[in-house]
N, C-alpha and C. Protein backbone atom coordinates (compact mmCIF):
# COMPACT_ATOMS: atom_id res chain seq x y z
N UNK A 1 -23.68 11.34 -31.58
CA UNK A 1 -23.12 10.28 -30.76
C UNK A 1 -23.60 8.94 -31.32
N UNK A 2 -22.71 7.98 -31.40
CA UNK A 2 -23.08 6.70 -31.99
C UNK A 2 -24.02 5.93 -31.06
N UNK A 3 -24.79 5.06 -31.67
CA UNK A 3 -25.75 4.27 -30.91
C UNK A 3 -25.04 3.33 -29.93
N UNK A 4 -23.91 2.79 -30.33
CA UNK A 4 -23.17 1.89 -29.45
C UNK A 4 -22.65 2.62 -28.22
N UNK A 5 -22.19 3.84 -28.40
CA UNK A 5 -21.71 4.62 -27.27
C UNK A 5 -22.86 4.98 -26.33
N UNK A 6 -24.01 5.35 -26.89
CA UNK A 6 -25.18 5.66 -26.06
C UNK A 6 -25.61 4.43 -25.25
N UNK A 7 -25.61 3.26 -25.89
CA UNK A 7 -26.01 2.04 -25.20
C UNK A 7 -25.02 1.70 -24.09
N UNK A 8 -23.73 1.85 -24.37
CA UNK A 8 -22.71 1.55 -23.37
C UNK A 8 -22.83 2.49 -22.18
N UNK A 9 -23.00 3.78 -22.44
CA UNK A 9 -23.16 4.73 -21.35
C UNK A 9 -24.43 4.45 -20.53
N UNK A 10 -25.49 4.04 -21.20
CA UNK A 10 -26.73 3.71 -20.49
C UNK A 10 -26.52 2.48 -19.60
N UNK A 11 -25.80 1.48 -20.11
CA UNK A 11 -25.51 0.29 -19.30
C UNK A 11 -24.68 0.62 -18.07
N UNK A 12 -23.65 1.44 -18.28
CA UNK A 12 -22.79 1.84 -17.15
C UNK A 12 -23.59 2.66 -16.15
N UNK A 13 -24.39 3.58 -16.64
CA UNK A 13 -25.21 4.39 -15.75
C UNK A 13 -26.19 3.56 -14.95
N UNK A 14 -26.81 2.60 -15.59
CA UNK A 14 -27.74 1.71 -14.89
C UNK A 14 -27.02 0.92 -13.81
N UNK A 15 -25.82 0.43 -14.12
CA UNK A 15 -25.04 -0.30 -13.12
C UNK A 15 -24.69 0.60 -11.93
N UNK A 16 -24.29 1.83 -12.21
CA UNK A 16 -23.92 2.76 -11.13
C UNK A 16 -25.13 3.02 -10.24
N UNK A 17 -26.30 3.22 -10.82
CA UNK A 17 -27.50 3.45 -10.02
C UNK A 17 -27.84 2.25 -9.14
N UNK A 18 -27.79 1.07 -9.72
CA UNK A 18 -28.12 -0.14 -8.95
C UNK A 18 -27.06 -0.38 -7.88
N UNK A 19 -25.79 -0.16 -8.21
CA UNK A 19 -24.71 -0.36 -7.23
C UNK A 19 -24.84 0.63 -6.08
N UNK A 20 -25.16 1.88 -6.39
CA UNK A 20 -25.34 2.87 -5.33
C UNK A 20 -26.48 2.48 -4.41
N UNK A 21 -27.57 1.98 -5.00
CA UNK A 21 -28.70 1.54 -4.18
C UNK A 21 -28.32 0.33 -3.32
N UNK A 22 -27.59 -0.61 -3.91
CA UNK A 22 -27.20 -1.80 -3.14
C UNK A 22 -26.22 -1.44 -2.01
N UNK A 23 -25.29 -0.55 -2.30
CA UNK A 23 -24.32 -0.18 -1.27
C UNK A 23 -24.95 0.66 -0.16
N UNK A 24 -26.05 1.34 -0.46
CA UNK A 24 -26.74 2.16 0.54
C UNK A 24 -27.59 1.31 1.48
N UNK A 25 -27.95 0.11 1.04
CA UNK A 25 -28.77 -0.77 1.87
C UNK A 25 -27.89 -1.33 3.00
N UNK A 26 -28.34 -1.14 4.25
CA UNK A 26 -27.51 -1.59 5.38
C UNK A 26 -27.64 -3.11 5.64
N UNK A 27 -27.01 -3.90 4.81
CA UNK A 27 -26.97 -5.34 5.01
C UNK A 27 -25.57 -5.73 5.47
N UNK A 28 -25.50 -6.80 6.23
CA UNK A 28 -24.20 -7.28 6.70
C UNK A 28 -23.62 -8.24 5.66
N UNK A 29 -23.32 -7.66 4.47
CA UNK A 29 -22.80 -8.44 3.35
C UNK A 29 -21.58 -7.69 2.80
N UNK A 30 -20.65 -8.44 2.27
CA UNK A 30 -19.45 -7.85 1.71
C UNK A 30 -19.80 -6.87 0.58
N UNK A 31 -19.09 -5.74 0.50
CA UNK A 31 -19.33 -4.79 -0.59
C UNK A 31 -19.07 -5.43 -1.97
N UNK A 32 -18.12 -6.35 -2.05
CA UNK A 32 -17.86 -7.03 -3.32
C UNK A 32 -19.06 -7.87 -3.74
N UNK A 33 -19.70 -8.54 -2.79
CA UNK A 33 -20.90 -9.32 -3.10
C UNK A 33 -22.04 -8.41 -3.54
N UNK A 34 -22.15 -7.25 -2.90
CA UNK A 34 -23.18 -6.28 -3.30
C UNK A 34 -22.94 -5.81 -4.73
N UNK A 35 -21.67 -5.58 -5.10
CA UNK A 35 -21.36 -5.14 -6.46
C UNK A 35 -21.65 -6.25 -7.47
N UNK A 36 -21.38 -7.49 -7.11
CA UNK A 36 -21.68 -8.60 -8.02
C UNK A 36 -23.18 -8.75 -8.21
N UNK A 37 -23.95 -8.59 -7.14
CA UNK A 37 -25.40 -8.65 -7.24
C UNK A 37 -25.89 -7.48 -8.10
N UNK A 38 -25.28 -6.32 -7.93
CA UNK A 38 -25.64 -5.15 -8.73
C UNK A 38 -25.40 -5.40 -10.21
N UNK A 39 -24.33 -6.09 -10.53
CA UNK A 39 -24.01 -6.40 -11.92
C UNK A 39 -25.10 -7.28 -12.53
N UNK A 40 -25.52 -8.29 -11.80
CA UNK A 40 -26.55 -9.21 -12.31
C UNK A 40 -27.89 -8.48 -12.45
N UNK A 41 -28.25 -7.71 -11.43
CA UNK A 41 -29.53 -7.00 -11.45
C UNK A 41 -29.55 -5.95 -12.57
N UNK A 42 -28.45 -5.22 -12.74
CA UNK A 42 -28.43 -4.21 -13.79
C UNK A 42 -28.46 -4.84 -15.18
N UNK A 43 -27.86 -6.02 -15.34
CA UNK A 43 -27.93 -6.71 -16.63
C UNK A 43 -29.37 -7.12 -16.94
N UNK A 44 -30.07 -7.62 -15.93
CA UNK A 44 -31.47 -8.02 -16.13
C UNK A 44 -32.34 -6.80 -16.44
N UNK A 45 -32.12 -5.70 -15.74
CA UNK A 45 -32.89 -4.49 -16.00
C UNK A 45 -32.58 -3.93 -17.38
N UNK A 46 -31.33 -3.98 -17.79
CA UNK A 46 -30.93 -3.46 -19.10
C UNK A 46 -31.59 -4.25 -20.22
N UNK A 47 -31.79 -5.54 -20.00
CA UNK A 47 -32.43 -6.37 -21.02
C UNK A 47 -33.82 -5.82 -21.36
N UNK A 48 -34.53 -5.34 -20.35
CA UNK A 48 -35.88 -4.84 -20.58
C UNK A 48 -35.91 -3.33 -20.84
N UNK A 49 -35.14 -2.57 -20.09
CA UNK A 49 -35.23 -1.12 -20.16
C UNK A 49 -34.49 -0.51 -21.36
N UNK A 50 -33.47 -1.18 -21.84
CA UNK A 50 -32.63 -0.60 -22.90
C UNK A 50 -32.81 -1.31 -24.24
N UNK A 51 -33.97 -1.90 -24.45
CA UNK A 51 -34.21 -2.65 -25.67
C UNK A 51 -34.04 -1.80 -26.93
N UNK A 52 -34.59 -0.60 -26.92
CA UNK A 52 -34.52 0.28 -28.09
C UNK A 52 -33.08 0.67 -28.42
N UNK A 53 -32.32 1.04 -27.41
CA UNK A 53 -30.91 1.39 -27.63
C UNK A 53 -30.11 0.19 -28.12
N UNK A 54 -30.41 -0.98 -27.56
CA UNK A 54 -29.69 -2.19 -27.96
C UNK A 54 -29.97 -2.53 -29.42
N UNK A 55 -31.22 -2.41 -29.83
CA UNK A 55 -31.57 -2.71 -31.23
C UNK A 55 -30.95 -1.68 -32.17
N UNK A 56 -30.92 -0.42 -31.77
CA UNK A 56 -30.31 0.63 -32.59
C UNK A 56 -28.80 0.38 -32.75
N UNK A 57 -28.15 -0.02 -31.67
CA UNK A 57 -26.72 -0.32 -31.73
C UNK A 57 -26.46 -1.55 -32.59
N UNK A 58 -27.35 -2.51 -32.52
CA UNK A 58 -27.20 -3.73 -33.33
C UNK A 58 -27.32 -3.41 -34.81
N UNK A 59 -28.29 -2.58 -35.17
CA UNK A 59 -28.47 -2.20 -36.58
C UNK A 59 -27.23 -1.46 -37.07
N UNK A 60 -26.70 -0.58 -36.24
CA UNK A 60 -25.50 0.16 -36.62
C UNK A 60 -24.31 -0.78 -36.80
N UNK A 61 -24.16 -1.75 -35.91
CA UNK A 61 -23.04 -2.69 -36.00
C UNK A 61 -23.16 -3.58 -37.24
N UNK A 62 -24.37 -4.02 -37.55
CA UNK A 62 -24.58 -4.85 -38.74
C UNK A 62 -24.27 -4.04 -40.00
N UNK A 63 -24.70 -2.80 -40.04
CA UNK A 63 -24.41 -1.95 -41.19
C UNK A 63 -22.92 -1.74 -41.38
N UNK A 64 -22.21 -1.53 -40.30
CA UNK A 64 -20.75 -1.34 -40.39
C UNK A 64 -20.07 -2.62 -40.88
N UNK A 65 -20.54 -3.76 -40.40
CA UNK A 65 -19.95 -5.04 -40.83
C UNK A 65 -20.21 -5.27 -42.32
N UNK A 66 -21.41 -4.93 -42.80
CA UNK A 66 -21.71 -5.09 -44.22
C UNK A 66 -20.85 -4.18 -45.08
N UNK A 67 -20.66 -2.93 -44.63
CA UNK A 67 -19.81 -2.00 -45.39
C UNK A 67 -18.37 -2.50 -45.45
N UNK A 68 -17.87 -3.04 -44.34
CA UNK A 68 -16.50 -3.58 -44.35
C UNK A 68 -16.39 -4.77 -45.28
N UNK A 69 -17.40 -5.65 -45.29
CA UNK A 69 -17.39 -6.81 -46.17
C UNK A 69 -17.40 -6.38 -47.63
N UNK A 70 -18.26 -5.42 -47.97
CA UNK A 70 -18.32 -4.92 -49.35
C UNK A 70 -17.01 -4.28 -49.77
N UNK A 71 -16.42 -3.51 -48.89
CA UNK A 71 -15.14 -2.86 -49.19
C UNK A 71 -14.04 -3.90 -49.39
N UNK A 72 -14.03 -4.92 -48.55
CA UNK A 72 -13.03 -5.99 -48.68
C UNK A 72 -13.20 -6.74 -50.00
N UNK A 73 -14.44 -7.00 -50.39
CA UNK A 73 -14.69 -7.69 -51.65
C UNK A 73 -14.27 -6.84 -52.86
N UNK A 74 -14.55 -5.52 -52.80
CA UNK A 74 -14.11 -4.64 -53.88
C UNK A 74 -12.60 -4.61 -53.99
N UNK A 75 -11.93 -4.58 -52.85
CA UNK A 75 -10.48 -4.57 -52.84
C UNK A 75 -9.91 -5.88 -53.40
N UNK A 76 -10.50 -6.99 -53.01
CA UNK A 76 -10.06 -8.28 -53.55
C UNK A 76 -10.26 -8.35 -55.06
N UNK A 77 -11.41 -7.87 -55.52
CA UNK A 77 -11.68 -7.87 -56.96
C UNK A 77 -10.68 -6.98 -57.70
N UNK A 78 -10.37 -5.84 -57.12
CA UNK A 78 -9.42 -4.94 -57.76
C UNK A 78 -8.02 -5.55 -57.79
N UNK A 79 -7.64 -6.22 -56.73
CA UNK A 79 -6.32 -6.85 -56.68
C UNK A 79 -6.22 -8.04 -57.63
N UNK A 80 -7.34 -8.71 -57.88
CA UNK A 80 -7.36 -9.85 -58.80
C UNK A 80 -7.53 -9.39 -60.25
N UNK A 81 -7.77 -8.12 -60.46
CA UNK A 81 -7.97 -7.61 -61.80
C UNK A 81 -9.38 -7.85 -62.31
N UNK A 82 -10.31 -8.12 -61.41
CA UNK A 82 -11.70 -8.41 -61.80
C UNK A 82 -12.61 -7.21 -61.67
N UNK A 83 -12.02 -6.02 -61.48
CA UNK A 83 -12.87 -4.86 -61.29
C UNK A 83 -13.57 -4.49 -62.59
N UNK A 84 -14.69 -3.80 -62.47
CA UNK A 84 -15.52 -3.47 -63.63
C UNK A 84 -15.07 -2.19 -64.32
N UNK A 85 -14.00 -1.58 -63.87
CA UNK A 85 -13.57 -0.30 -64.42
C UNK A 85 -12.71 -0.41 -65.65
N UNK A 86 -12.65 -1.53 -66.32
CA UNK A 86 -11.84 -1.68 -67.53
C UNK A 86 -10.50 -2.30 -67.18
N UNK A 87 -9.46 -1.82 -67.82
CA UNK A 87 -8.13 -2.37 -67.62
C UNK A 87 -7.65 -2.06 -66.19
N UNK A 88 -7.05 -3.02 -65.58
CA UNK A 88 -6.52 -2.86 -64.25
C UNK A 88 -5.18 -2.14 -64.29
N UNK A 89 -4.95 -1.32 -63.31
CA UNK A 89 -3.70 -0.58 -63.26
C UNK A 89 -2.55 -1.48 -62.83
N UNK A 90 -2.86 -2.67 -62.30
CA UNK A 90 -1.79 -3.56 -61.83
C UNK A 90 -1.27 -4.45 -62.95
N UNK A 91 -1.95 -4.51 -64.08
CA UNK A 91 -1.49 -5.35 -65.18
C UNK A 91 -0.41 -4.62 -65.95
N UNK A 92 0.75 -5.25 -66.12
CA UNK A 92 1.85 -4.64 -66.85
C UNK A 92 1.99 -5.22 -68.24
N UNK A 93 1.20 -6.23 -68.58
CA UNK A 93 1.30 -6.91 -69.88
C UNK A 93 0.73 -6.08 -70.99
């Protein structure tokens, strides 16, 4: 399972737990307000509790971005005829 998926599921799970706790509290407040408070509280908790997953997902995202950039540069070089493999297949001269 990818790190980004694990982090996303952990964030959603944390929100569900906090929302369930907030909705169980017998306050005379709108359920929508309780859900909005749950969103803020779960975001704050996720900042501290999910640090490892967040960093792992960040490393994975940076690696994927670097691979895409390298692939794009290789493709541009090949299209320009600047590839290191000798004669380009696109040159008809």
